[in-house]
PDB file of N, CA and C in Angstrom:
ATOM      1  N   MET A   1       0.819  -1.190   0.000  1.00  0.00           N
ATOM      2  CA  MET A   1       0.000   0.000   0.000  1.00  0.00           C
ATOM      3  C   MET A   1       0.865   1.257   0.000  1.00  0.00           C
ATOM      4  N   ASP A   2       1.922   1.245   0.813  1.00  0.00           N
ATOM      5  CA  ASP A   2       2.798   2.413   0.875  1.00  0.00           C
ATOM      6  C   ASP A   2       3.439   2.685  -0.490  1.00  0.00           C
ATOM      7  N   GLU A   3       3.803   1.626  -1.180  1.00  0.00           N
ATOM      8  CA  GLU A   3       4.412   1.772  -2.504  1.00  0.00           C
ATOM      9  C   GLU A   3       3.409   2.387  -3.487  1.00  0.00           C
ATOM     10  N   PHE A   4       2.164   1.949  -3.403  1.00  0.00           N
ATOM     11  CA  PHE A   4       1.104   2.494  -4.256  1.00  0.00           C
ATOM     12  C   PHE A   4       0.939   3.990  -4.010  1.00  0.00           C
ATOM     13  N   ILE A   5       0.858   4.390  -2.750  1.00  0.00           N
ATOM     14  CA  ILE A   5       0.672   5.804  -2.407  1.00  0.00           C
ATOM     15  C   ILE A   5       1.876   6.621  -2.856  1.00  0.00           C
ATOM     16  N   LEU A   6       3.083   6.103  -2.645  1.00  0.00           N
ATOM     17  CA  LEU A   6       4.283   6.825  -3.079  1.00  0.00           C
ATOM     18  C   LEU A   6       4.272   7.045  -4.595  1.00  0.00           C
ATOM     19  N   ASP A   7       3.820   6.048  -5.334  1.00  0.00           N
ATOM     20  CA  ASP A   7       3.713   6.177  -6.785  1.00  0.00           C
ATOM     21  C   ASP A   7       2.663   7.222  -7.163  1.00  0.00           C
ATOM     22  N   MET A   8       1.554   7.252  -6.432  1.00  0.00           N
ATOM     23  CA  MET A   8       0.453   8.161  -6.750  1.00  0.00           C
ATOM     24  C   MET A   8       0.737   9.604  -6.334  1.00  0.00           C
ATOM     25  N   ILE A   9       1.671   9.821  -5.413  1.00  0.00           N
ATOM     26  CA  ILE A   9       2.006  11.184  -4.976  1.00  0.00           C
ATOM     27  C   ILE A   9       2.469  12.019  -6.171  1.00  0.00           C
ATOM     28  N   ASP A  10       3.153  11.388  -7.116  1.00  0.00           N
ATOM     29  CA  ASP A  10       3.610  12.091  -8.320  1.00  0.00           C
ATOM     30  C   ASP A  10       2.444  12.619  -9.150  1.00  0.00           C
ATOM     31  N   PHE A  11       1.251  12.089  -8.918  1.00  0.00           N
ATOM     32  CA  PHE A  11       0.070  12.505  -9.665  1.00  0.00           C
ATOM     33  C   PHE A  11      -0.849  13.412  -8.846  1.00  0.00           C
ATOM     34  N   GLY A  12      -0.390  13.855  -7.683  1.00  0.00           N
ATOM     35  CA  GLY A  12      -1.171  14.799  -6.887  1.00  0.00           C
ATOM     36  C   GLY A  12      -1.958  14.189  -5.746  1.00  0.00           C
ATOM     37  N   VAL A  13      -1.712  12.925  -5.419  1.00  0.00           N
ATOM     38  CA  VAL A  13      -2.412  12.267  -4.315  1.00  0.00           C
ATOM     39  C   VAL A  13      -1.676  12.559  -3.014  1.00  0.00           C
ATOM     40  N   GLU A  14      -2.431  12.809  -1.958  1.00  0.00           N
ATOM     41  CA  GLU A  14      -1.838  13.044  -0.641  1.00  0.00           C
ATOM     42  C   GLU A  14      -1.447  11.719   0.001  1.00  0.00           C
ATOM     43  N   GLU A  15      -0.564  11.780   0.992  1.00  0.00           N
ATOM     44  CA  GLU A  15      -0.111  10.557   1.671  1.00  0.00           C
ATOM     45  C   GLU A  15      -1.225   9.911   2.492  1.00  0.00           C
ATOM     46  N   GLU A  16      -2.191  10.689   2.915  1.00  0.00           N
ATOM     47  CA  GLU A  16      -3.290  10.185   3.736  1.00  0.00           C
ATOM     48  C   GLU A  16      -4.288   9.420   2.863  1.00  0.00           C
ATOM     49  N   PHE A  17      -4.751   8.267   3.345  1.00  0.00           N
ATOM     50  CA  PHE A  17      -5.749   7.477   2.629  1.00  0.00           C
ATOM     51  C   PHE A  17      -6.575   6.683   3.640  1.00  0.00           C
ATOM     52  N   ASP A  18      -7.727   6.219   3.209  1.00  0.00           N
ATOM     53  CA  ASP A  18      -8.593   5.379   4.035  1.00  0.00           C
ATOM     54  C   ASP A  18      -8.799   4.062   3.310  1.00  0.00           C
ATOM     55  N   GLU A  19      -8.612   2.968   4.037  1.00  0.00           N
ATOM     56  CA  GLU A  19      -8.764   1.642   3.452  1.00  0.00           C
ATOM     57  C   GLU A  19      -9.898   0.913   4.155  1.00  0.00           C
ATOM     58  N   ASP A  20     -10.816   0.370   3.375  1.00  0.00           N
ATOM     59  CA  ASP A  20     -11.925  -0.412   3.908  1.00  0.00           C
ATOM     60  C   ASP A  20     -11.723  -1.848   3.452  1.00  0.00           C
ATOM     61  N   GLU A  21     -11.107  -2.652   4.311  1.00  0.00           N
ATOM     62  CA  GLU A  21     -10.789  -4.033   3.948  1.00  0.00           C
ATOM     63  C   GLU A  21     -12.046  -4.867   3.725  1.00  0.00           C
ATOM     64  N   GLU A  22     -13.108  -4.551   4.450  1.00  0.00           N
ATOM     65  CA  GLU A  22     -14.358  -5.301   4.319  1.00  0.00           C
ATOM     66  C   GLU A  22     -14.946  -5.141   2.916  1.00  0.00           C
ATOM     67  N   GLU A  23     -14.936  -3.907   2.399  1.00  0.00           N
ATOM     68  CA  GLU A  23     -15.465  -3.650   1.066  1.00  0.00           C
ATOM     69  C   GLU A  23     -14.407  -3.808  -0.018  1.00  0.00           C
ATOM     70  N   GLY A  24     -13.141  -3.844   0.397  1.00  0.00           N
ATOM     71  CA  GLY A  24     -12.053  -3.952  -0.566  1.00  0.00           C
ATOM     72  C   GLY A  24     -11.827  -2.668  -1.345  1.00  0.00           C
ATOM     73  N   THR A  25     -12.034  -1.526  -0.674  1.00  0.00           N
ATOM     74  CA  THR A  25     -11.871  -0.237  -1.346  1.00  0.00           C
ATOM     75  C   THR A  25     -10.843   0.631  -0.632  1.00  0.00           C
ATOM     76  N   ILE A  26     -10.317   1.584  -1.380  1.00  0.00           N
ATOM     77  CA  ILE A  26      -9.379   2.558  -0.858  1.00  0.00           C
ATOM     78  C   ILE A  26      -9.885   3.940  -1.248  1.00  0.00           C
ATOM     79  N   THR A  27      -9.881   4.847  -0.302  1.00  0.00           N
ATOM     80  CA  THR A  27     -10.221   6.238  -0.580  1.00  0.00           C
ATOM     81  C   THR A  27      -8.942   7.041  -0.535  1.00  0.00           C
ATOM     82  N   ILE A  28      -8.640   7.697  -1.652  1.00  0.00           N
ATOM     83  CA  ILE A  28      -7.445   8.537  -1.718  1.00  0.00           C
ATOM     84  C   ILE A  28      -7.873   9.990  -1.835  1.00  0.00           C
ATOM     85  N   TYR A  29      -6.999  10.882  -1.409  1.00  0.00           N
ATOM     86  CA  TYR A  29      -7.288  12.305  -1.414  1.00  0.00           C
ATOM     87  C   TYR A  29      -6.235  13.013  -2.249  1.00  0.00           C
ATOM     88  N   GLY A  30      -6.681  14.017  -2.994  1.00  0.00           N
ATOM     89  CA  GLY A  30      -5.723  14.730  -3.820  1.00  0.00           C
ATOM     90  C   GLY A  30      -6.253  16.077  -4.259  1.00  0.00           C
ATOM     91  N   ASP A  31      -5.416  16.798  -4.943  1.00  0.00           N
ATOM     92  CA  ASP A  31      -5.743  18.112  -5.469  1.00  0.00           C
ATOM     93  C   ASP A  31      -6.798  17.951  -6.574  1.00  0.00           C
ATOM     94  N   PRO A  32      -7.904  18.694  -6.490  1.00  0.00           N
ATOM     95  CA  PRO A  32      -8.937  18.582  -7.527  1.00  0.00           C
ATOM     96  C   PRO A  32      -8.413  18.870  -8.933  1.00  0.00           C
ATOM     97  N   LYS A  33      -7.376  19.691  -9.035  1.00  0.00           N
ATOM     98  CA  LYS A  33      -6.805  20.000 -10.347  1.00  0.00           C
ATOM     99  C   LYS A  33      -6.141  18.772 -10.961  1.00  0.00           C
ATOM    100  N   SER A  34      -5.790  17.790 -10.148  1.00  0.00           N
ATOM    101  CA  SER A  34      -5.115  16.578 -10.614  1.00  0.00           C
ATOM    102  C   SER A  34      -6.071  15.417 -10.825  1.00  0.00           C
ATOM    103  N   PHE A  35      -7.367  15.653 -10.704  1.00  0.00           N
ATOM    104  CA  PHE A  35      -8.350  14.572 -10.767  1.00  0.00           C
ATOM    105  C   PHE A  35      -8.210  13.748 -12.047  1.00  0.00           C
ATOM    106  N   GLY A  36      -8.106  14.404 -13.188  1.00  0.00           N
ATOM    107  CA  GLY A  36      -7.991  13.694 -14.464  1.00  0.00           C
ATOM    108  C   GLY A  36      -6.753  12.825 -14.535  1.00  0.00           C
ATOM    109  N   ALA A  37      -5.612  13.374 -14.099  1.00  0.00           N
ATOM    110  CA  ALA A  37      -4.354  12.619 -14.129  1.00  0.00           C
ATOM    111  C   ALA A  37      -4.415  11.427 -13.176  1.00  0.00           C
ATOM    112  N   ILE A  38      -4.996  11.632 -12.004  1.00  0.00           N
ATOM    113  CA  ILE A  38      -5.126  10.540 -11.024  1.00  0.00           C
ATOM    114  C   ILE A  38      -6.002   9.436 -11.594  1.00  0.00           C
ATOM    115  N   GLN A  39      -7.139   9.827 -12.142  1.00  0.00           N
ATOM    116  CA  GLN A  39      -8.073   8.844 -12.699  1.00  0.00           C
ATOM    117  C   GLN A  39      -7.422   8.067 -13.847  1.00  0.00           C
ATOM    118  N   LYS A  40      -6.699   8.752 -14.714  1.00  0.00           N
ATOM    119  CA  LYS A  40      -6.027   8.097 -15.843  1.00  0.00           C
ATOM    120  C   LYS A  40      -4.983   7.103 -15.346  1.00  0.00           C
ATOM    121  N   LYS A  41      -4.185   7.492 -14.359  1.00  0.00           N
ATOM    122  CA  LYS A  41      -3.152   6.615 -13.798  1.00  0.00           C
ATOM    123  C   LYS A  41      -3.777   5.363 -13.174  1.00  0.00           C
ATOM    124  N   LEU A  42      -4.866   5.536 -12.441  1.00  0.00           N
ATOM    125  CA  LEU A  42      -5.536   4.393 -11.825  1.00  0.00           C
ATOM    126  C   LEU A  42      -6.034   3.420 -12.888  1.00  0.00           C
ATOM    127  N   GLU A  43      -6.624   3.943 -13.962  1.00  0.00           N
ATOM    128  CA  GLU A  43      -7.123   3.091 -15.036  1.00  0.00           C
ATOM    129  C   GLU A  43      -5.980   2.354 -15.734  1.00  0.00           C
ATOM    130  N   GLU A  44      -4.857   3.080 -15.968  1.00  0.00           N
ATOM    131  CA  GLU A  44      -3.697   2.448 -16.611  1.00  0.00           C
ATOM    132  C   GLU A  44      -3.130   1.312 -15.770  1.00  0.00           C
ATOM    133  N   ASP A  45      -3.196   1.467 -14.449  1.00  0.00           N
ATOM    134  CA  ASP A  45      -2.666   0.446 -13.548  1.00  0.00           C
ATOM    135  C   ASP A  45      -3.673  -0.661 -13.243  1.00  0.00           C
ATOM    136  N   GLY A  46      -4.856  -0.597 -13.859  1.00  0.00           N
ATOM    137  CA  GLY A  46      -5.838  -1.661 -13.720  1.00  0.00           C
ATOM    138  C   GLY A  46      -6.760  -1.543 -12.518  1.00  0.00           C
ATOM    139  N   TYR A  47      -6.788  -0.375 -11.885  1.00  0.00           N
ATOM    140  CA  TYR A  47      -7.695  -0.175 -10.759  1.00  0.00           C
ATOM    141  C   TYR A  47      -9.056   0.279 -11.257  1.00  0.00           C
ATOM    142  N   GLU A  48     -10.099  -0.161 -10.595  1.00  0.00           N
ATOM    143  CA  GLU A  48     -11.454   0.222 -10.956  1.00  0.00           C
ATOM    144  C   GLU A  48     -11.855   1.438 -10.132  1.00  0.00           C
ATOM    145  N   ASP A  49     -12.270   2.480 -10.816  1.00  0.00           N
ATOM    146  CA  ASP A  49     -12.743   3.694 -10.160  1.00  0.00           C
ATOM    147  C   ASP A  49     -14.234   3.526  -9.920  1.00  0.00           C
ATOM    148  N   ILE A  50     -14.620   3.296  -8.653  1.00  0.00           N
ATOM    149  CA  ILE A  50     -16.038   3.081  -8.360  1.00  0.00           C
ATOM    150  C   ILE A  50     -16.734   4.359  -7.925  1.00  0.00           C
ATOM    151  N   GLY A  51     -16.002   5.442  -7.912  1.00  0.00           N
ATOM    152  CA  GLY A  51     -16.628   6.721  -7.585  1.00  0.00           C
ATOM    153  C   GLY A  51     -15.578   7.763  -7.283  1.00  0.00           C
ATOM    154  N   GLY A  52     -15.785   8.903  -7.843  1.00  0.00           N
ATOM    155  CA  GLY A  52     -14.899  10.017  -7.566  1.00  0.00           C
ATOM    156  C   GLY A  52     -15.747  11.241  -7.323  1.00  0.00           C
ATOM    157  N   GLU A  53     -15.370  12.011  -6.370  1.00  0.00           N
ATOM    158  CA  GLU A  53     -16.154  13.203  -6.086  1.00  0.00           C
ATOM    159  C   GLU A  53     -15.265  14.280  -5.499  1.00  0.00           C
ATOM    160  N   PHE A  54     -15.719  15.502  -5.665  1.00  0.00           N
ATOM    161  CA  PHE A  54     -15.044  16.633  -5.058  1.00  0.00           C
ATOM    162  C   PHE A  54     -15.775  16.948  -3.767  1.00  0.00           C
ATOM    163  N   THR A  55     -15.047  17.089  -2.710  1.00  0.00           N
ATOM    164  CA  THR A  55     -15.642  17.419  -1.431  1.00  0.00           C
ATOM    165  C   THR A  55     -14.710  18.363  -0.687  1.00  0.00           C
ATOM    166  N   TYR A  56     -15.280  19.168   0.153  1.00  0.00           N
ATOM    167  CA  TYR A  56     -14.490  20.087   0.955  1.00  0.00           C
ATOM    168  C   TYR A  56     -14.199  19.453   2.304  1.00  0.00           C
ATOM    169  N   ILE A  57     -12.948  19.506   2.700  1.00  0.00           N
ATOM    170  CA  ILE A  57     -12.540  19.000   4.001  1.00  0.00           C
ATOM    171  C   ILE A  57     -12.043  20.192   4.795  1.00  0.00           C
ATOM    172  N   PRO A  58     -12.696  20.507   5.919  1.00  0.00           N
ATOM    173  CA  PRO A  58     -12.310  21.701   6.673  1.00  0.00           C
ATOM    174  C   PRO A  58     -10.913  21.592   7.269  1.00  0.00           C
ATOM    175  N   ASN A  59     -10.214  22.706   7.259  1.00  0.00           N
ATOM    176  CA  ASN A  59      -8.878  22.765   7.864  1.00  0.00           C
ATOM    177  C   ASN A  59      -8.963  22.926   9.371  1.00  0.00           C
ATOM    178  N   ASP A  60     -10.043  23.519   9.836  1.00  0.00           N
ATOM    179  CA  ASP A  60     -10.173  23.858  11.252  1.00  0.00           C
ATOM    180  C   ASP A  60     -11.543  23.408  11.756  1.00  0.00           C
ATOM    181  N   LEU A  61     -11.601  22.245  12.398  1.00  0.00           N
ATOM    182  CA  LEU A  61     -12.862  21.742  12.939  1.00  0.00           C
ATOM    183  C   LEU A  61     -13.186  22.458  14.246  1.00  0.00           C
ATOM    184  N   LYS A  62     -14.443  22.781  14.435  1.00  0.00           N
ATOM    185  CA  LYS A  62     -14.884  23.532  15.608  1.00  0.00           C
ATOM    186  C   LYS A  62     -15.705  22.648  16.549  1.00  0.00           C
ATOM    187  N   ASP A  63     -15.444  22.798  17.844  1.00  0.00           N
ATOM    188  CA  ASP A  63     -16.272  22.146  18.860  1.00  0.00           C
ATOM    189  C   ASP A  63     -17.567  22.939  18.982  1.00  0.00           C
ATOM    190  N   VAL A  64     -18.673  22.229  19.099  1.00  0.00           N
ATOM    191  CA  VAL A  64     -19.964  22.890  19.298  1.00  0.00           C
ATOM    192  C   VAL A  64     -20.701  22.207  20.433  1.00  0.00           C
ATOM    193  N   THR A  65     -21.557  22.959  21.070  1.00  0.00           N
ATOM    194  CA  THR A  65     -22.373  22.398  22.145  1.00  0.00           C
ATOM    195  C   THR A  65     -23.496  21.580  21.535  1.00  0.00           C
ATOM    196  N   ALA A  66     -24.164  20.803  22.347  1.00  0.00           N
ATOM    197  CA  ALA A  66     -25.293  19.993  21.872  1.00  0.00           C
ATOM    198  C   ALA A  66     -26.389  20.887  21.304  1.00  0.00           C
ATOM    199  N   GLU A  67     -26.613  22.017  21.944  1.00  0.00           N
ATOM    200  CA  GLU A  67     -27.640  22.959  21.479  1.00  0.00           C
ATOM    201  C   GLU A  67     -27.253  23.548  20.116  1.00  0.00           C
ATOM    202  N   GLN A  68     -25.998  23.928  19.967  1.00  0.00           N
ATOM    203  CA  GLN A  68     -25.526  24.467  18.693  1.00  0.00           C
ATOM    204  C   GLN A  68     -25.598  23.404  17.602  1.00  0.00           C
ATOM    205  N   ARG A  69     -25.218  22.179  17.940  1.00  0.00           N
ATOM    206  CA  ARG A  69     -25.261  21.083  16.969  1.00  0.00           C
ATOM    207  C   ARG A  69     -26.691  20.858  16.478  1.00  0.00           C
ATOM    208  N   GLU A  70     -27.635  20.897  17.394  1.00  0.00           N
ATOM    209  CA  GLU A  70     -29.034  20.705  17.019  1.00  0.00           C
ATOM    210  C   GLU A  70     -29.493  21.804  16.062  1.00  0.00           C
ATOM    211  N   THR A  71     -29.133  23.039  16.351  1.00  0.00           N
ATOM    212  CA  THR A  71     -29.507  24.169  15.503  1.00  0.00           C
ATOM    213  C   THR A  71     -28.863  24.045  14.118  1.00  0.00           C
ATOM    214  N   ILE A  72     -27.589  23.712  14.092  1.00  0.00           N
ATOM    215  CA  ILE A  72     -26.880  23.567  12.815  1.00  0.00           C
ATOM    216  C   ILE A  72     -27.467  22.415  12.007  1.00  0.00           C
ATOM    217  N   ASP A  73     -27.752  21.292  12.657  1.00  0.00           N
ATOM    218  CA  ASP A  73     -28.338  20.149  11.961  1.00  0.00           C
ATOM    219  C   ASP A  73     -29.689  20.501  11.340  1.00  0.00           C
ATOM    220  N   LYS A  74     -30.500  21.276  12.063  1.00  0.00           N
ATOM    221  CA  LYS A  74     -31.796  21.706  11.529  1.00  0.00           C
ATOM    222  C   LYS A  74     -31.600  22.605  10.313  1.00  0.00           C
ATOM    223  N   MET A  75     -30.621  23.514  10.395  1.00  0.00           N
ATOM    224  CA  MET A  75     -30.361  24.431   9.285  1.00  0.00           C
ATOM    225  C   MET A  75     -29.882  23.654   8.057  1.00  0.00           C
ATOM    226  N   VAL A  76     -28.968  22.708   8.259  1.00  0.00           N
ATOM    227  CA  VAL A  76     -28.461  21.903   7.154  1.00  0.00           C
ATOM    228  C   VAL A  76     -29.597  21.102   6.526  1.00  0.00           C
ATOM    229  N   GLU A  77     -30.441  20.535   7.350  1.00  0.00           N
ATOM    230  CA  GLU A  77     -31.583  19.757   6.858  1.00  0.00           C
ATOM    231  C   GLU A  77     -32.497  20.623   5.994  1.00  0.00           C
ATOM    232  N   ARG A  78     -32.773  21.836   6.441  1.00  0.00           N
ATOM    233  CA  ARG A  78     -33.635  22.739   5.671  1.00  0.00           C
ATOM    234  C   ARG A  78     -32.977  23.146   4.363  1.00  0.00           C
ATOM    235  N   LEU A  79     -31.670  23.405   4.395  1.00  0.00           N
ATOM    236  CA  LEU A  79     -30.968  23.781   3.167  1.00  0.00           C
ATOM    237  C   LEU A  79     -31.001  22.650   2.150  1.00  0.00           C
ATOM    238  N   GLU A  80     -30.840  21.426   2.618  1.00  0.00           N
ATOM    239  CA  GLU A  80     -30.813  20.267   1.723  1.00  0.00           C
ATOM    240  C   GLU A  80     -32.175  19.981   1.095  1.00  0.00           C
ATOM    241  N   GLU A  81     -33.238  20.547   1.637  1.00  0.00           N
ATOM    242  CA  GLU A  81     -34.577  20.363   1.076  1.00  0.00           C
ATOM    243  C   GLU A  81     -34.754  21.109  -0.246  1.00  0.00           C
ATOM    244  N   PHE A  82     -33.952  22.148  -0.473  1.00  0.00           N
ATOM    245  CA  PHE A  82     -34.058  22.921  -1.703  1.00  0.00           C
ATOM    246  C   PHE A  82     -33.490  22.126  -2.871  1.00  0.00           C
ATOM    247  N   ASP A  83     -34.207  22.130  -3.992  1.00  0.00           N
ATOM    248  CA  ASP A  83     -33.777  21.382  -5.169  1.00  0.00           C
ATOM    249  C   ASP A  83     -32.440  21.879  -5.719  1.00  0.00           C
ATOM    250  N   ASP A  84     -32.173  23.167  -5.586  1.00  0.00           N
ATOM    251  CA  ASP A  84     -30.956  23.744  -6.140  1.00  0.00           C
ATOM    252  C   ASP A  84     -29.715  23.458  -5.289  1.00  0.00           C
ATOM    253  N   VAL A  85     -29.900  23.009  -4.072  1.00  0.00           N
ATOM    254  CA  VAL A  85     -28.778  22.733  -3.173  1.00  0.00           C
ATOM    255  C   VAL A  85     -28.348  21.283  -3.365  1.00  0.00           C
ATOM    256  N   GLN A  86     -27.068  21.098  -3.703  1.00  0.00           N
ATOM    257  CA  GLN A  86     -26.563  19.744  -3.932  1.00  0.00           C
ATOM    258  C   GLN A  86     -25.884  19.175  -2.690  1.00  0.00           C
ATOM    259  N   THR A  87     -25.070  19.990  -2.032  1.00  0.00           N
ATOM    260  CA  THR A  87     -24.331  19.520  -0.864  1.00  0.00           C
ATOM    261  C   THR A  87     -24.144  20.675   0.107  1.00  0.00           C
ATOM    262  N   VAL A  88     -24.196  20.342   1.400  1.00  0.00           N
ATOM    263  CA  VAL A  88     -23.970  21.342   2.435  1.00  0.00           C
ATOM    264  C   VAL A  88     -22.807  20.851   3.306  1.00  0.00           C
ATOM    265  N   TYR A  89     -21.853  21.727   3.565  1.00  0.00           N
ATOM    266  CA  TYR A  89     -20.685  21.390   4.367  1.00  0.00           C
ATOM    267  C   TYR A  89     -20.680  22.209   5.650  1.00  0.00           C
ATOM    268  N   THR A  90     -20.149  21.634   6.725  1.00  0.00           N
ATOM    269  CA  THR A  90     -19.925  22.361   7.954  1.00  0.00           C
ATOM    270  C   THR A  90     -18.508  22.037   8.447  1.00  0.00           C
ATOM    271  N   ASN A  91     -18.041  22.828   9.385  1.00  0.00           N
ATOM    272  CA  ASN A  91     -16.726  22.536   9.964  1.00  0.00           C
ATOM    273  C   ASN A  91     -16.838  22.171  11.437  1.00  0.00           C
ATOM    274  N   MET A  92     -18.018  21.664  11.851  1.00  0.00           N
ATOM    275  CA  MET A  92     -18.141  21.241  13.244  1.00  0.00           C
ATOM    276  C   MET A  92     -17.585  19.830  13.394  1.00  0.00           C
ATOM    277  N   LYS A  93     -16.956  19.611  14.548  1.00  0.00           N
ATOM    278  CA  LYS A  93     -16.381  18.287  14.815  1.00  0.00           C
ATOM    279  C   LYS A  93     -17.490  17.257  14.900  1.00  0.00           C
ATOM    280  N   PRO A  94     -17.229  16.049  14.396  1.00  0.00           N
ATOM    281  CA  PRO A  94     -18.223  14.975  14.515  1.00  0.00           C
ATOM    282  C   PRO A  94     -18.450  14.626  15.994  1.00  0.00           C
ATOM    283  N   GLU A  95     -19.613  14.080  16.265  1.00  0.00           N
ATOM    284  CA  GLU A  95     -19.935  13.700  17.646  1.00  0.00           C
ATOM    285  C   GLU A  95     -19.032  12.595  18.129  1.00  0.00           C
TER     286      GLU A  95
END
């Protein structure tokens, strides 16, 4: 696995990855500008791309109280009800 990641770093992949042995999948993270190059390299090496997406990962996670979490969750839920809203991100720490 380390060898794979070291090889992929040249294509814009970060050293951090998540492996799900039960599902047999690996989640890699990289610069969105390198998405095409990463995808091409994976295909050339015989890996199956079962999904790729752009997502925002907060640099600074915030602690929130239970009351604040409830309010934020309600707001996110309401925002997601709109047809024009595709994804809502927050920077609150997971429970």
